[in-house]
């Protein structure tokens, strides 16, 4: 739609005074159109819309009965330490490294669980067996000489 002379001169002077930017309090066609474009562009833009509305409602329920206090649970760990010898499959309490605080090989029936580590790697129970005082390595793949052998005993008390 063409501008009349008065509108054109107002529009032109607005542009000269303010460059191409619209002036918020100006009511010329250019400024109105520009402010409307900016307002509606922002209103409909998804980049300016905050759609992240997290719901944070943590709740922890702890039922405590004043009449009952559970007994404390204790865990005891001891370890048997030895160094592997070439071709050796059976280790006993005599092979223990007592200078490093090694215990004897405990009876597996008197502990909660036990784990064997050879050279720092946990071994599957299928390749060893334990009796009181004796560790049997049942794998054909034996540890290298001087590899650390750690038999960890864990007993849960309570």
N, C-alpha and C. Protein backbone atom coordinates (compact mmCIF):
# COMPACT_ATOMS: atom_id res chain seq x y z
N UNK A 1 0.85 -1.17 0.00
CA UNK A 1 0.00 0.00 0.00
C UNK A 1 0.90 1.24 0.00
N UNK A 2 0.74 2.11 -0.96
CA UNK A 2 1.60 3.29 -1.05
C UNK A 2 1.32 4.27 0.08
N UNK A 3 2.37 4.96 0.51
CA UNK A 3 2.25 5.95 1.57
C UNK A 3 1.88 7.30 0.97
N UNK A 4 1.03 8.07 1.69
CA UNK A 4 0.77 9.43 1.23
C UNK A 4 1.97 10.29 1.59
N UNK A 5 1.95 11.52 1.16
CA UNK A 5 3.13 12.38 1.32
C UNK A 5 3.47 12.61 2.79
N UNK A 6 2.45 12.81 3.64
CA UNK A 6 2.69 13.06 5.05
C UNK A 6 3.28 11.81 5.71
N UNK A 7 2.70 10.64 5.40
CA UNK A 7 3.20 9.40 5.97
C UNK A 7 4.63 9.12 5.48
N UNK A 8 4.87 9.38 4.19
CA UNK A 8 6.19 9.11 3.64
C UNK A 8 7.25 10.00 4.29
N UNK A 9 6.93 11.28 4.47
CA UNK A 9 7.91 12.17 5.06
C UNK A 9 8.16 11.80 6.52
N UNK A 10 7.11 11.39 7.25
CA UNK A 10 7.27 10.98 8.64
C UNK A 10 8.12 9.71 8.71
N UNK A 11 7.79 8.77 7.83
CA UNK A 11 8.52 7.51 7.77
C UNK A 11 9.97 7.76 7.39
N UNK A 12 10.18 8.60 6.41
CA UNK A 12 11.52 8.90 5.93
C UNK A 12 12.33 9.61 7.01
N UNK A 13 11.71 10.57 7.72
CA UNK A 13 12.44 11.28 8.77
C UNK A 13 12.76 10.33 9.92
N UNK A 14 11.87 9.41 10.21
CA UNK A 14 12.10 8.43 11.27
C UNK A 14 13.31 7.56 10.91
N UNK A 15 13.39 7.18 9.64
CA UNK A 15 14.51 6.37 9.19
C UNK A 15 15.80 7.16 9.24
N UNK A 16 15.74 8.43 8.86
CA UNK A 16 16.95 9.25 8.86
C UNK A 16 17.44 9.48 10.28
N UNK A 17 16.51 9.73 11.20
CA UNK A 17 16.89 10.00 12.59
C UNK A 17 17.40 8.74 13.30
N UNK A 18 16.78 7.65 13.02
CA UNK A 18 17.07 6.44 13.79
C UNK A 18 17.68 5.31 12.95
N UNK A 19 18.08 5.56 11.76
CA UNK A 19 18.60 4.51 10.91
C UNK A 19 17.46 3.58 10.52
N UNK A 20 17.70 2.31 10.41
CA UNK A 20 16.65 1.36 10.03
C UNK A 20 15.97 0.73 11.23
N UNK A 21 16.44 1.02 12.44
CA UNK A 21 15.83 0.43 13.62
C UNK A 21 14.52 1.13 13.95
N UNK A 22 13.58 0.36 14.46
CA UNK A 22 12.31 0.96 14.84
C UNK A 22 12.45 1.64 16.19
N UNK A 23 11.64 2.62 16.40
CA UNK A 23 11.63 3.36 17.65
C UNK A 23 10.35 2.98 18.38
N UNK A 24 10.44 2.49 19.62
CA UNK A 24 9.26 1.93 20.29
C UNK A 24 8.10 2.89 20.46
N UNK A 25 8.35 4.19 20.64
CA UNK A 25 7.25 5.12 20.88
C UNK A 25 6.79 5.80 19.60
N UNK A 26 7.44 5.49 18.50
CA UNK A 26 7.06 6.08 17.22
C UNK A 26 5.87 5.31 16.66
N UNK A 27 4.94 6.01 16.00
CA UNK A 27 3.75 5.35 15.47
C UNK A 27 3.73 5.33 13.95
N UNK A 28 4.87 5.55 13.33
CA UNK A 28 4.90 5.50 11.88
C UNK A 28 4.74 4.06 11.41
N UNK A 29 4.40 3.91 10.16
CA UNK A 29 4.15 2.59 9.58
C UNK A 29 5.38 1.68 9.72
N UNK A 30 6.53 2.23 9.44
CA UNK A 30 7.77 1.44 9.52
C UNK A 30 8.00 0.93 10.94
N UNK A 31 7.91 1.82 11.92
CA UNK A 31 8.19 1.43 13.30
C UNK A 31 7.13 0.47 13.83
N UNK A 32 5.86 0.71 13.50
CA UNK A 32 4.80 -0.21 13.93
C UNK A 32 4.99 -1.59 13.34
N UNK A 33 5.29 -1.63 12.06
CA UNK A 33 5.49 -2.91 11.38
C UNK A 33 6.69 -3.65 11.96
N UNK A 34 7.77 -2.91 12.21
CA UNK A 34 8.99 -3.50 12.74
C UNK A 34 8.78 -4.01 14.16
N UNK A 35 8.14 -3.22 15.02
CA UNK A 35 7.93 -3.67 16.39
C UNK A 35 6.97 -4.86 16.44
N UNK A 36 5.97 -4.86 15.55
CA UNK A 36 5.04 -5.99 15.49
C UNK A 36 5.78 -7.26 15.06
N UNK A 37 6.67 -7.13 14.06
CA UNK A 37 7.44 -8.28 13.58
C UNK A 37 8.33 -8.83 14.70
N UNK A 38 8.98 -7.94 15.42
CA UNK A 38 9.86 -8.37 16.51
C UNK A 38 9.05 -9.03 17.61
N UNK A 39 7.94 -8.42 18.00
CA UNK A 39 7.12 -8.97 19.08
C UNK A 39 6.55 -10.33 18.70
N UNK A 40 5.92 -10.43 17.53
CA UNK A 40 5.32 -11.69 17.12
C UNK A 40 6.37 -12.75 16.82
N UNK A 41 7.51 -12.32 16.31
CA UNK A 41 8.59 -13.27 16.05
C UNK A 41 9.08 -13.89 17.35
N UNK A 42 9.21 -13.08 18.38
CA UNK A 42 9.66 -13.61 19.67
C UNK A 42 8.57 -14.45 20.32
N UNK A 43 7.33 -14.03 20.15
CA UNK A 43 6.24 -14.74 20.79
C UNK A 43 6.09 -16.15 20.22
N UNK A 44 6.30 -16.32 18.92
CA UNK A 44 6.11 -17.61 18.28
C UNK A 44 7.39 -18.41 18.13
N UNK A 45 8.50 -17.86 18.52
CA UNK A 45 9.77 -18.55 18.35
C UNK A 45 9.96 -19.62 19.41
N UNK A 46 10.30 -20.84 18.98
CA UNK A 46 10.54 -21.91 19.95
C UNK A 46 11.87 -21.73 20.66
N UNK A 47 12.77 -20.94 20.06
CA UNK A 47 14.07 -20.75 20.71
C UNK A 47 13.96 -19.85 21.93
N UNK A 48 12.90 -19.07 22.04
CA UNK A 48 12.72 -18.19 23.18
C UNK A 48 11.70 -18.73 24.18
N UNK A 49 11.28 -19.95 23.99
CA UNK A 49 10.27 -20.53 24.86
C UNK A 49 10.94 -21.52 25.80
N UNK A 50 10.74 -21.36 27.07
CA UNK A 50 11.31 -22.29 28.05
C UNK A 50 10.32 -23.42 28.25
N UNK A 51 10.64 -24.58 27.67
CA UNK A 51 9.75 -25.73 27.80
C UNK A 51 10.26 -26.72 28.83
N UNK A 52 11.35 -26.41 29.50
CA UNK A 52 11.92 -27.30 30.50
C UNK A 52 11.30 -26.98 31.85
N UNK A 53 10.41 -27.81 32.30
CA UNK A 53 9.74 -27.61 33.58
C UNK A 53 9.93 -28.85 34.43
N UNK A 54 11.10 -28.99 35.04
CA UNK A 54 11.33 -30.21 35.82
C UNK A 54 10.47 -30.23 37.08
N UNK A 55 10.07 -31.42 37.44
CA UNK A 55 9.33 -31.60 38.68
C UNK A 55 10.27 -32.26 39.66
N UNK A 56 10.58 -31.59 40.72
CA UNK A 56 11.50 -32.12 41.71
C UNK A 56 10.73 -32.29 43.00
N UNK A 57 10.43 -33.52 43.30
CA UNK A 57 9.64 -33.80 44.48
C UNK A 57 10.23 -35.02 45.19
N UNK A 58 11.42 -34.86 45.79
CA UNK A 58 12.01 -36.02 46.46
C UNK A 58 11.28 -36.32 47.76
N UNK A 59 11.08 -37.59 47.97
CA UNK A 59 10.49 -37.97 49.25
C UNK A 59 11.09 -39.29 49.68
N UNK A 60 11.55 -39.33 50.88
CA UNK A 60 12.12 -40.54 51.46
C UNK A 60 11.32 -40.84 52.72
N UNK A 61 10.82 -42.04 52.78
CA UNK A 61 10.06 -42.44 53.95
C UNK A 61 10.88 -43.45 54.73
N UNK A 62 11.14 -43.13 55.97
CA UNK A 62 11.88 -44.03 56.85
C UNK A 62 10.96 -44.36 58.02
N UNK A 63 10.63 -45.62 58.11
CA UNK A 63 9.78 -46.06 59.21
C UNK A 63 10.66 -46.47 60.38
N UNK A 64 10.57 -45.72 61.45
CA UNK A 64 11.37 -46.02 62.63
C UNK A 64 10.41 -46.31 63.78
N UNK A 65 10.58 -47.46 64.33
CA UNK A 65 9.75 -47.84 65.46
C UNK A 65 10.54 -47.58 66.74
N UNK A 66 10.00 -46.82 67.67
CA UNK A 66 10.75 -46.54 68.89
C UNK A 66 10.97 -47.78 69.76
N UNK A 67 10.17 -48.82 69.56
CA UNK A 67 10.30 -50.03 70.37
C UNK A 67 11.41 -50.95 69.86
N UNK A 68 11.80 -50.80 68.57
CA UNK A 68 12.76 -51.74 67.98
C UNK A 68 13.97 -50.99 67.43
N UNK A 69 15.12 -51.39 67.86
CA UNK A 69 16.37 -50.86 67.31
C UNK A 69 17.14 -52.04 66.74
N UNK A 70 17.38 -52.03 65.42
CA UNK A 70 18.09 -53.17 64.83
C UNK A 70 19.52 -53.24 65.34
N UNK A 71 20.03 -54.45 65.49
CA UNK A 71 21.42 -54.57 65.96
C UNK A 71 22.39 -54.10 64.88
N UNK A 72 23.52 -53.57 65.28
CA UNK A 72 24.50 -53.13 64.28
C UNK A 72 25.05 -54.33 63.50
N UNK A 73 25.33 -54.09 62.24
CA UNK A 73 25.90 -55.14 61.40
C UNK A 73 27.39 -54.88 61.28
N UNK A 74 28.16 -55.91 61.46
CA UNK A 74 29.60 -55.78 61.34
C UNK A 74 30.12 -56.65 60.21
N UNK A 75 31.18 -56.22 59.60
CA UNK A 75 31.82 -56.99 58.54
C UNK A 75 33.29 -57.13 58.91
N UNK A 76 33.78 -58.35 58.80
CA UNK A 76 35.18 -58.60 59.08
C UNK A 76 35.82 -59.18 57.82
N UNK A 77 36.96 -58.65 57.44
CA UNK A 77 37.68 -59.19 56.28
C UNK A 77 39.09 -59.57 56.71
N UNK A 78 39.52 -60.70 56.23
CA UNK A 78 40.91 -61.13 56.40
C UNK A 78 41.38 -61.67 55.06
N UNK A 79 42.68 -61.68 54.86
CA UNK A 79 43.18 -62.17 53.58
C UNK A 79 44.41 -63.03 53.75
N UNK A 80 44.45 -64.03 52.91
CA UNK A 80 45.61 -64.91 52.81
C UNK A 80 46.42 -64.41 51.63
N UNK A 81 47.71 -64.19 51.83
CA UNK A 81 48.59 -63.68 50.78
C UNK A 81 49.72 -64.67 50.53
N UNK A 82 50.02 -64.89 49.26
CA UNK A 82 51.14 -65.76 48.88
C UNK A 82 51.66 -65.31 47.53
N UNK A 83 52.85 -65.79 47.18
CA UNK A 83 53.40 -65.56 45.85
C UNK A 83 53.38 -66.87 45.08
N UNK A 84 52.98 -66.79 43.81
CA UNK A 84 52.88 -67.99 42.98
C UNK A 84 54.27 -68.58 42.73
N UNK A 85 54.30 -69.89 42.65
CA UNK A 85 55.53 -70.60 42.30
C UNK A 85 55.28 -71.36 41.01
N UNK A 86 56.31 -71.50 40.21
CA UNK A 86 56.22 -72.17 38.90
C UNK A 86 55.64 -73.58 39.04
N UNK A 87 54.51 -73.85 38.37
CA UNK A 87 53.92 -75.18 38.33
C UNK A 87 53.20 -75.62 39.59
N UNK A 88 53.08 -74.75 40.58
CA UNK A 88 52.47 -75.13 41.86
C UNK A 88 50.95 -74.95 41.80
N UNK A 89 50.21 -76.01 42.23
CA UNK A 89 48.75 -75.97 42.22
C UNK A 89 48.14 -75.93 43.61
N UNK A 90 48.90 -76.27 44.64
CA UNK A 90 48.36 -76.34 46.00
C UNK A 90 49.16 -75.39 46.90
N UNK A 91 48.44 -74.49 47.58
CA UNK A 91 49.05 -73.54 48.50
C UNK A 91 48.49 -73.79 49.90
N UNK A 92 49.35 -73.69 50.90
CA UNK A 92 48.95 -73.97 52.28
C UNK A 92 49.29 -72.78 53.17
N UNK A 93 48.98 -72.93 54.46
CA UNK A 93 49.29 -71.87 55.42
C UNK A 93 50.79 -71.60 55.50
N UNK A 94 51.63 -72.60 55.19
CA UNK A 94 53.08 -72.41 55.23
C UNK A 94 53.56 -71.47 54.12
N UNK A 95 52.79 -71.32 53.04
CA UNK A 95 53.16 -70.44 51.93
C UNK A 95 52.75 -68.98 52.17
N UNK A 96 52.02 -68.73 53.24
CA UNK A 96 51.50 -67.38 53.52
C UNK A 96 52.63 -66.39 53.76
N UNK A 97 52.43 -65.18 53.31
CA UNK A 97 53.38 -64.08 53.53
C UNK A 97 53.01 -63.39 54.84
N UNK A 98 53.44 -63.96 55.94
CA UNK A 98 53.10 -63.44 57.27
C UNK A 98 53.65 -62.04 57.49
N UNK A 99 54.78 -61.71 56.84
CA UNK A 99 55.37 -60.38 57.02
C UNK A 99 54.48 -59.27 56.46
N UNK A 100 53.49 -59.63 55.61
CA UNK A 100 52.55 -58.66 55.07
C UNK A 100 51.18 -58.76 55.72
N UNK A 101 51.09 -59.44 56.84
CA UNK A 101 49.84 -59.53 57.59
C UNK A 101 48.90 -60.60 57.09
N UNK A 102 49.41 -61.60 56.41
CA UNK A 102 48.57 -62.66 55.88
C UNK A 102 47.97 -63.50 57.01
N UNK A 103 46.73 -63.90 56.81
CA UNK A 103 46.10 -64.83 57.76
C UNK A 103 46.30 -66.24 57.23
N UNK A 104 45.86 -67.20 58.00
CA UNK A 104 45.83 -68.58 57.51
C UNK A 104 44.63 -68.72 56.57
N UNK A 105 44.58 -69.83 55.85
CA UNK A 105 43.43 -70.12 54.99
C UNK A 105 42.31 -70.62 55.89
N UNK A 106 41.21 -69.85 55.93
CA UNK A 106 40.10 -70.16 56.83
C UNK A 106 39.19 -71.23 56.23
N UNK A 107 38.38 -71.82 57.10
CA UNK A 107 37.39 -72.80 56.67
C UNK A 107 36.27 -72.05 55.93
N UNK A 108 36.00 -72.39 54.66
CA UNK A 108 34.98 -71.67 53.90
C UNK A 108 33.58 -71.76 54.51
N UNK A 109 33.33 -72.78 55.35
CA UNK A 109 32.02 -72.91 55.98
C UNK A 109 31.83 -71.89 57.11
N UNK A 110 32.90 -71.26 57.56
CA UNK A 110 32.82 -70.31 58.67
C UNK A 110 32.89 -68.85 58.21
N UNK A 111 32.87 -68.60 56.90
CA UNK A 111 32.89 -67.23 56.37
C UNK A 111 31.67 -67.03 55.47
N UNK A 112 31.31 -65.77 55.25
CA UNK A 112 30.15 -65.47 54.41
C UNK A 112 30.46 -65.65 52.94
N UNK A 113 31.60 -65.17 52.52
CA UNK A 113 32.01 -65.31 51.12
C UNK A 113 33.53 -65.24 51.03
N UNK A 114 34.06 -65.74 49.93
CA UNK A 114 35.50 -65.62 49.69
C UNK A 114 35.74 -65.38 48.22
N UNK A 115 36.83 -64.67 47.94
CA UNK A 115 37.20 -64.35 46.56
C UNK A 115 38.69 -64.58 46.39
N UNK A 116 39.06 -65.14 45.24
CA UNK A 116 40.46 -65.36 44.92
C UNK A 116 40.88 -64.37 43.85
N UNK A 117 42.00 -63.68 44.12
CA UNK A 117 42.60 -62.76 43.16
C UNK A 117 43.98 -63.29 42.82
N UNK A 118 44.27 -63.44 41.54
CA UNK A 118 45.60 -63.84 41.10
C UNK A 118 46.13 -62.70 40.23
N UNK A 119 47.26 -62.16 40.63
CA UNK A 119 47.86 -61.02 39.94
C UNK A 119 46.88 -59.84 39.87
N UNK A 120 46.06 -59.68 40.92
CA UNK A 120 45.12 -58.57 41.01
C UNK A 120 43.81 -58.78 40.27
N UNK A 121 43.61 -59.95 39.67
CA UNK A 121 42.40 -60.20 38.88
C UNK A 121 41.53 -61.22 39.60
N UNK A 122 40.25 -60.88 39.77
CA UNK A 122 39.30 -61.77 40.42
C UNK A 122 39.12 -63.03 39.58
N UNK A 123 39.20 -64.19 40.23
CA UNK A 123 39.10 -65.47 39.52
C UNK A 123 37.72 -66.09 39.73
N UNK A 124 37.20 -66.79 38.74
CA UNK A 124 35.89 -67.45 38.91
C UNK A 124 36.03 -68.65 39.85
N UNK A 125 35.00 -68.91 40.65
CA UNK A 125 35.07 -70.02 41.62
C UNK A 125 35.29 -71.39 40.97
N UNK A 126 35.03 -71.51 39.69
CA UNK A 126 35.17 -72.81 39.02
C UNK A 126 36.63 -73.25 38.87
N UNK A 127 37.59 -72.34 39.05
CA UNK A 127 38.99 -72.73 38.83
C UNK A 127 39.77 -72.95 40.13
N UNK A 128 39.09 -72.90 41.28
CA UNK A 128 39.78 -73.15 42.54
C UNK A 128 38.82 -73.75 43.56
N UNK A 129 39.40 -74.39 44.56
CA UNK A 129 38.62 -74.88 45.70
C UNK A 129 39.42 -74.60 46.97
N UNK A 130 38.69 -74.43 48.06
CA UNK A 130 39.32 -74.05 49.33
C UNK A 130 38.84 -74.99 50.43
N UNK A 131 39.79 -75.45 51.22
CA UNK A 131 39.52 -76.17 52.46
C UNK A 131 40.28 -75.43 53.55
N UNK A 132 39.99 -75.72 54.79
CA UNK A 132 40.73 -75.06 55.86
C UNK A 132 42.21 -75.40 55.73
N UNK A 133 43.03 -74.36 55.54
CA UNK A 133 44.48 -74.54 55.44
C UNK A 133 45.00 -74.86 54.05
N UNK A 134 44.10 -75.06 53.04
CA UNK A 134 44.56 -75.48 51.71
C UNK A 134 43.79 -74.73 50.61
N UNK A 135 44.53 -74.22 49.62
CA UNK A 135 43.97 -73.63 48.41
C UNK A 135 44.40 -74.48 47.23
N UNK A 136 43.44 -75.02 46.48
CA UNK A 136 43.72 -75.84 45.28
C UNK A 136 43.41 -75.01 44.04
N UNK A 137 44.40 -74.85 43.16
CA UNK A 137 44.15 -74.23 41.85
C UNK A 137 43.84 -75.36 40.88
N UNK A 138 42.65 -75.36 40.31
CA UNK A 138 42.21 -76.47 39.47
C UNK A 138 42.31 -76.18 37.98
N UNK A 139 42.81 -75.03 37.63
CA UNK A 139 42.96 -74.67 36.22
C UNK A 139 44.29 -75.19 35.68
N UNK A 140 44.32 -75.50 34.40
CA UNK A 140 45.59 -75.90 33.78
C UNK A 140 46.46 -74.67 33.51
N UNK A 141 45.83 -73.50 33.49
CA UNK A 141 46.55 -72.25 33.28
C UNK A 141 46.96 -71.69 34.64
N UNK A 142 48.19 -71.94 35.04
CA UNK A 142 48.67 -71.54 36.36
C UNK A 142 49.27 -70.13 36.32
N UNK A 143 49.27 -69.45 37.46
CA UNK A 143 49.82 -68.09 37.49
C UNK A 143 51.33 -68.09 37.25
N UNK A 144 51.86 -66.98 36.72
CA UNK A 144 53.31 -66.89 36.52
C UNK A 144 54.05 -66.79 37.85
N UNK A 145 55.32 -67.12 37.83
CA UNK A 145 56.15 -67.08 39.04
C UNK A 145 56.11 -65.68 39.67
N UNK A 146 55.97 -65.65 40.98
CA UNK A 146 55.93 -64.43 41.80
C UNK A 146 54.69 -63.56 41.60
N UNK A 147 53.66 -64.09 40.94
CA UNK A 147 52.39 -63.35 40.84
C UNK A 147 51.72 -63.39 42.21
N UNK A 148 51.19 -62.27 42.69
CA UNK A 148 50.53 -62.29 44.00
C UNK A 148 49.22 -63.08 43.96
N UNK A 149 49.03 -63.88 44.99
CA UNK A 149 47.78 -64.64 45.18
C UNK A 149 47.14 -64.10 46.45
N UNK A 150 45.90 -63.63 46.33
CA UNK A 150 45.17 -63.09 47.48
C UNK A 150 43.85 -63.83 47.59
N UNK A 151 43.64 -64.44 48.73
CA UNK A 151 42.37 -65.11 49.02
C UNK A 151 41.68 -64.26 50.09
N UNK A 152 40.60 -63.59 49.70
CA UNK A 152 39.90 -62.65 50.57
C UNK A 152 38.71 -63.34 51.22
N UNK A 153 38.66 -63.29 52.55
CA UNK A 153 37.56 -63.88 53.32
C UNK A 153 36.72 -62.74 53.90
N UNK A 154 35.41 -62.79 53.69
CA UNK A 154 34.49 -61.78 54.21
C UNK A 154 33.48 -62.48 55.11
N UNK A 155 33.37 -61.98 56.34
CA UNK A 155 32.41 -62.53 57.29
C UNK A 155 31.48 -61.41 57.75
N UNK A 156 30.19 -61.59 57.53
CA UNK A 156 29.19 -60.61 57.97
C UNK A 156 28.68 -61.06 59.33
N UNK A 157 28.76 -60.16 60.30
CA UNK A 157 28.32 -60.47 61.66
C UNK A 157 27.14 -59.58 62.01
N UNK A 158 26.26 -60.12 62.79
CA UNK A 158 25.18 -59.25 63.21
C UNK A 158 23.92 -59.91 63.53
